[in-house]
Protein backbone atom coordinates (compact mmCIF):
# COMPACT_ATOMS: atom_id res chain seq x y z
CA MET A 1 9.87 1.46 16.19
CA ASN A 2 10.95 -1.11 13.62
CA ILE A 3 9.06 -0.58 10.36
CA LEU A 4 8.98 -3.07 7.47
CA ILE A 5 7.80 -1.75 4.11
CA THR A 6 7.61 -3.71 0.88
CA GLY A 7 8.10 -2.06 -2.50
CA THR A 8 10.32 0.83 -1.40
CA SER A 9 12.28 1.39 -4.61
CA GLN A 10 9.90 4.05 -5.93
CA GLY A 11 6.47 5.69 -5.74
CA ILE A 12 4.22 5.22 -2.74
CA GLY A 13 6.50 2.77 -0.94
CA LYS A 14 9.50 5.08 -1.17
CA ALA A 15 7.45 8.04 0.07
CA ILE A 16 6.17 6.03 3.04
CA ALA A 17 9.71 4.93 3.92
CA ILE A 18 10.93 8.53 3.84
CA LYS A 19 7.99 9.63 6.03
CA PHE A 20 8.87 7.10 8.73
CA LEU A 21 12.58 7.87 8.50
CA ASP A 22 11.84 11.57 8.95
CA GLN A 23 9.98 10.64 12.14
CA GLY A 24 13.00 8.80 13.50
CA HIS A 25 11.96 5.18 12.94
CA GLN A 26 14.14 2.25 11.87
CA VAL A 27 12.96 1.21 8.40
CA PHE A 28 13.59 -2.04 6.53
CA GLY A 29 12.68 -2.16 2.84
CA LEU A 30 12.05 -5.20 0.64
CA ASP A 31 12.00 -4.84 -3.14
CA ARG A 32 13.07 -6.60 -6.34
CA LEU A 33 14.73 -3.33 -7.37
CA SER A 34 17.48 -1.37 -5.65
CA SER A 35 16.69 1.75 -3.63
CA THR A 36 18.00 5.30 -3.82
CA ILE A 37 17.12 6.01 -0.17
CA GLU A 38 20.26 6.95 1.73
CA HIS A 39 19.68 7.15 5.48
CA SER A 40 21.46 5.67 8.49
CA TYR A 41 18.16 4.19 9.76
CA TYR A 42 17.31 2.50 6.45
CA THR A 43 18.25 -1.03 5.38
CA HIS A 44 17.31 -2.32 1.93
CA TYR A 45 16.93 -5.97 0.94
CA LEU A 46 16.75 -7.14 -2.67
CA THR A 47 14.24 -9.96 -2.83
CA ASP A 48 10.96 -11.13 -4.34
CA ILE A 49 8.19 -11.17 -1.73
CA PHE A 50 6.51 -14.15 -3.42
CA LYS A 51 9.41 -16.52 -4.02
CA GLY A 52 12.63 -14.87 -2.83
CA ASP A 53 14.58 -15.46 0.35
CA LEU A 54 13.23 -13.43 3.26
CA PRO A 55 15.75 -11.76 5.58
CA LYS A 56 15.90 -12.38 9.30
CA LEU A 57 14.79 -9.14 10.96
CA PRO A 58 14.31 -7.91 14.52
CA PRO A 59 10.70 -7.99 15.77
CA ILE A 60 8.61 -5.73 13.53
CA ASP A 61 6.32 -3.14 15.12
CA ILE A 62 4.64 -1.87 11.95
CA LEU A 63 4.29 -3.76 8.66
CA ILE A 64 3.24 -1.92 5.50
CA ASN A 65 2.42 -4.17 2.54
CA ASN A 66 2.91 -1.91 -0.46
CA ALA A 67 4.73 -3.98 -3.11
CA GLY A 68 2.65 -4.69 -6.16
CA VAL A 69 2.53 -5.15 -9.92
CA GLN A 70 -0.16 -4.36 -12.47
CA ASN A 71 -1.31 -6.43 -15.44
CA SER A 72 1.94 -8.35 -15.31
CA GLY A 73 0.84 -11.97 -15.28
CA GLU A 74 2.10 -12.04 -11.69
CA ASP A 75 -0.61 -9.93 -10.07
CA ILE A 76 -2.11 -12.71 -7.96
CA ASP A 77 1.30 -14.11 -7.00
CA ILE A 78 2.90 -10.79 -6.00
CA ASN A 79 0.02 -8.62 -4.86
CA LEU A 80 -1.91 -11.26 -2.94
CA LYS A 81 0.17 -14.37 -2.28
CA GLY A 82 3.37 -12.40 -1.74
CA THR A 83 1.62 -10.01 0.62
CA MET A 84 0.18 -12.94 2.56
CA ARG A 85 3.63 -14.52 2.79
CA ILE A 86 5.18 -11.34 4.19
CA THR A 87 2.35 -10.85 6.67
CA GLU A 88 2.46 -14.41 7.97
CA ASN A 89 6.26 -14.21 8.35
CA TYR A 90 6.59 -10.80 9.97
CA GLY A 91 3.19 -9.54 11.06
CA ILE A 92 1.38 -12.21 13.03
CA GLN A 93 3.39 -11.97 16.23
CA LYS A 94 3.13 -10.48 19.71
CA ASN A 95 5.28 -7.40 19.04
CA ILE A 96 3.14 -6.13 16.18
CA HIS A 97 1.48 -2.74 16.63
CA SER A 98 -0.12 -2.24 13.22
CA ILE A 99 -0.33 -3.77 9.75
CA LEU A 100 -1.31 -1.73 6.71
CA PHE A 101 -2.15 -2.96 3.22
CA ILE A 102 -1.92 -0.67 0.18
CA ALA A 103 -4.84 -1.92 -1.89
CA SER A 104 -6.59 -0.01 -4.70
CA ALA A 105 -9.83 1.79 -5.47
CA SER A 106 -10.34 -0.91 -8.10
CA ALA A 107 -10.94 -3.39 -5.28
CA LEU A 108 -14.21 -1.49 -4.77
CA THR A 109 -15.13 -0.55 -8.34
CA GLY A 110 -13.72 -3.45 -10.36
CA ALA A 111 -12.59 -0.92 -12.98
CA GLU A 112 -9.12 -2.32 -13.72
CA PHE A 113 -7.36 -5.31 -15.24
CA PRO A 114 -9.11 -8.51 -14.02
CA GLU A 115 -6.19 -10.15 -12.20
CA TYR A 116 -5.18 -6.85 -10.64
CA VAL A 117 -8.72 -6.25 -9.37
CA ALA A 118 -8.87 -9.78 -7.98
CA SER A 119 -5.51 -9.42 -6.25
CA LYS A 120 -6.45 -6.15 -4.56
CA GLY A 121 -9.95 -7.31 -3.64
CA GLY A 122 -8.40 -10.40 -2.08
CA MET A 123 -5.97 -8.18 -0.20
CA VAL A 124 -8.82 -6.24 1.42
CA SER A 125 -10.51 -9.47 2.49
CA TYR A 126 -7.21 -10.82 3.83
CA MET A 127 -6.74 -7.55 5.74
CA LYS A 128 -9.97 -8.22 7.62
CA SER A 129 -8.81 -11.73 8.48
CA THR A 130 -5.52 -10.28 9.69
CA ALA A 131 -7.32 -7.76 11.90
CA LEU A 132 -9.23 -10.59 13.58
CA ARG A 133 -6.04 -12.52 14.28
CA ILE A 134 -3.86 -9.70 15.63
CA ALA A 135 -6.54 -8.16 17.83
CA LYS A 136 -5.27 -10.35 20.69
CA PHE A 137 -2.03 -8.37 20.49
CA HIS A 138 -4.01 -5.08 20.75
CA ALA A 139 -2.85 -4.34 17.19
CA THR A 140 -4.72 -2.86 14.23
CA ALA A 141 -4.92 -3.91 10.58
CA ASN A 142 -6.36 -1.65 7.89
CA SER A 143 -5.97 -0.93 4.20
CA LEU A 144 -5.71 2.16 2.03
CA SER A 145 -7.31 2.05 -1.41
CA PRO A 146 -5.89 4.88 -3.51
CA GLY A 147 -7.38 5.89 -6.81
CA GLY A 148 -5.09 7.81 -9.14
CA VAL A 149 -1.71 8.73 -7.65
CA LEU A 150 1.01 10.89 -9.20
CA THR A 151 3.70 8.28 -9.79
CA ASP A 152 6.02 7.42 -12.66
CA LEU A 153 3.98 4.27 -13.29
CA ASN A 154 1.06 6.54 -14.26
CA ARG A 155 3.19 8.86 -16.39
CA HIS A 156 1.50 7.78 -19.63
CA ILE A 157 -1.76 9.28 -18.35
CA ILE A 158 -0.28 12.30 -16.58
CA ASP A 159 1.64 13.39 -19.69
CA ASP A 160 -1.19 12.80 -22.17
CA PRO A 161 -3.59 15.78 -22.16
CA GLN A 162 -6.50 13.80 -23.62
CA LEU A 163 -6.16 10.87 -21.21
CA TRP A 164 -5.65 13.22 -18.27
CA GLN A 165 -8.77 15.22 -19.11
CA ALA A 166 -10.81 12.03 -19.52
CA VAL A 167 -9.75 10.92 -16.04
CA MET A 168 -10.44 14.34 -14.53
CA ASN A 169 -13.93 14.28 -16.04
CA GLU A 170 -14.63 11.20 -13.93
CA THR A 171 -13.27 12.66 -10.68
CA LEU A 172 -15.23 14.90 -8.30
CA LEU A 173 -12.10 16.71 -7.12
CA PRO A 174 -10.27 17.11 -10.43
CA LYS A 175 -6.86 15.95 -9.23
CA TRP A 176 -4.85 12.92 -8.15
CA ALA A 177 -3.18 12.33 -4.81
CA SER A 178 0.55 12.81 -4.35
CA VAL A 179 2.69 10.01 -2.94
CA GLU A 180 3.41 12.24 0.05
CA GLU A 181 -0.31 12.44 0.85
CA ILE A 182 -0.62 8.65 0.77
CA ALA A 183 2.42 8.46 3.05
CA ASP A 184 0.72 10.83 5.50
CA TRP A 185 -2.33 8.56 5.50
CA ALA A 186 -0.12 5.53 6.09
CA TYR A 187 1.56 7.19 9.06
CA PHE A 188 -1.73 8.28 10.58
CA VAL A 189 -3.40 4.89 10.23
CA THR A 190 -0.45 2.92 11.66
CA VAL A 191 0.98 5.25 14.31
CA ILE A 192 -1.61 7.80 15.42
CA ASN A 193 -4.70 5.63 15.01
CA GLN A 194 -5.42 3.44 18.02
CA SER A 195 -9.06 2.44 17.56
CA MET A 196 -9.84 1.85 13.88
CA THR A 197 -9.23 -1.68 12.62
CA ALA A 198 -10.47 -4.00 9.84
CA GLN A 199 -11.32 -0.96 7.68
CA ASP A 200 -10.54 -0.01 4.09
CA ILE A 201 -10.06 3.70 3.39
CA LEU A 202 -10.87 4.92 -0.11
CA ILE A 203 -8.65 7.83 -1.25
CA ASP A 204 -9.77 8.52 -4.81
CA ASN A 205 -10.73 12.22 -4.94
CA GLY A 206 -14.34 11.16 -5.37
CA GLU A 207 -13.93 9.06 -8.52
CA ALA A 208 -16.11 6.22 -7.21
CA ALA A 209 -18.71 8.76 -6.04
CA LYS A 210 -18.96 10.53 -9.41
CA SER A 211 -22.61 10.69 -10.45
CA ASN A 212 -24.45 12.77 -13.00
CA PHE A 213 -28.04 13.60 -12.07
CA ILE A 214 -30.30 13.70 -15.12
CA TRP A 215 -33.82 15.16 -14.85
């Protein structure tokens, strides 16, 4: 299948691209940064999903909207408007099999930077609209909402013992997800799943469920 993934230069997007390449799919990546992925089935395009030129691609079977920024002043433009632009250009068409949005646990909890929270909350709502519109193609649309993930963008927390312990104290399963685990989720939801659509999946090791019973 032809897979389009945004934000493949690093982190979750790169891991998802590698997962699909390992399974023999043709993968196209869009990112403002260059990629270190070297594979005969991978093609990388340098562009901005909000305002850059979009390449002409063969019909896309699976679209994974992963590109995003945090507390940048561009959160609404990139995370929400850019994602909508990519989806309208490549996803709403008769060949589509599945569309996945990488949102955030903060879309549920609100515990993040205001514009980031708004952008990810809007993404989840837009996902539901997308699911309604591509159902006629027998296609699914869902979102993943990760909590903490072990990426370089979170290195300031991972490498700080005090910050790390403070986060672990708020997490039922005292750990964060790896990028490979999120990639496995992405593959399952878009390829193996045939019946779930218009759903947001929270993958936060129980952070949102943390509750202390006092008696």
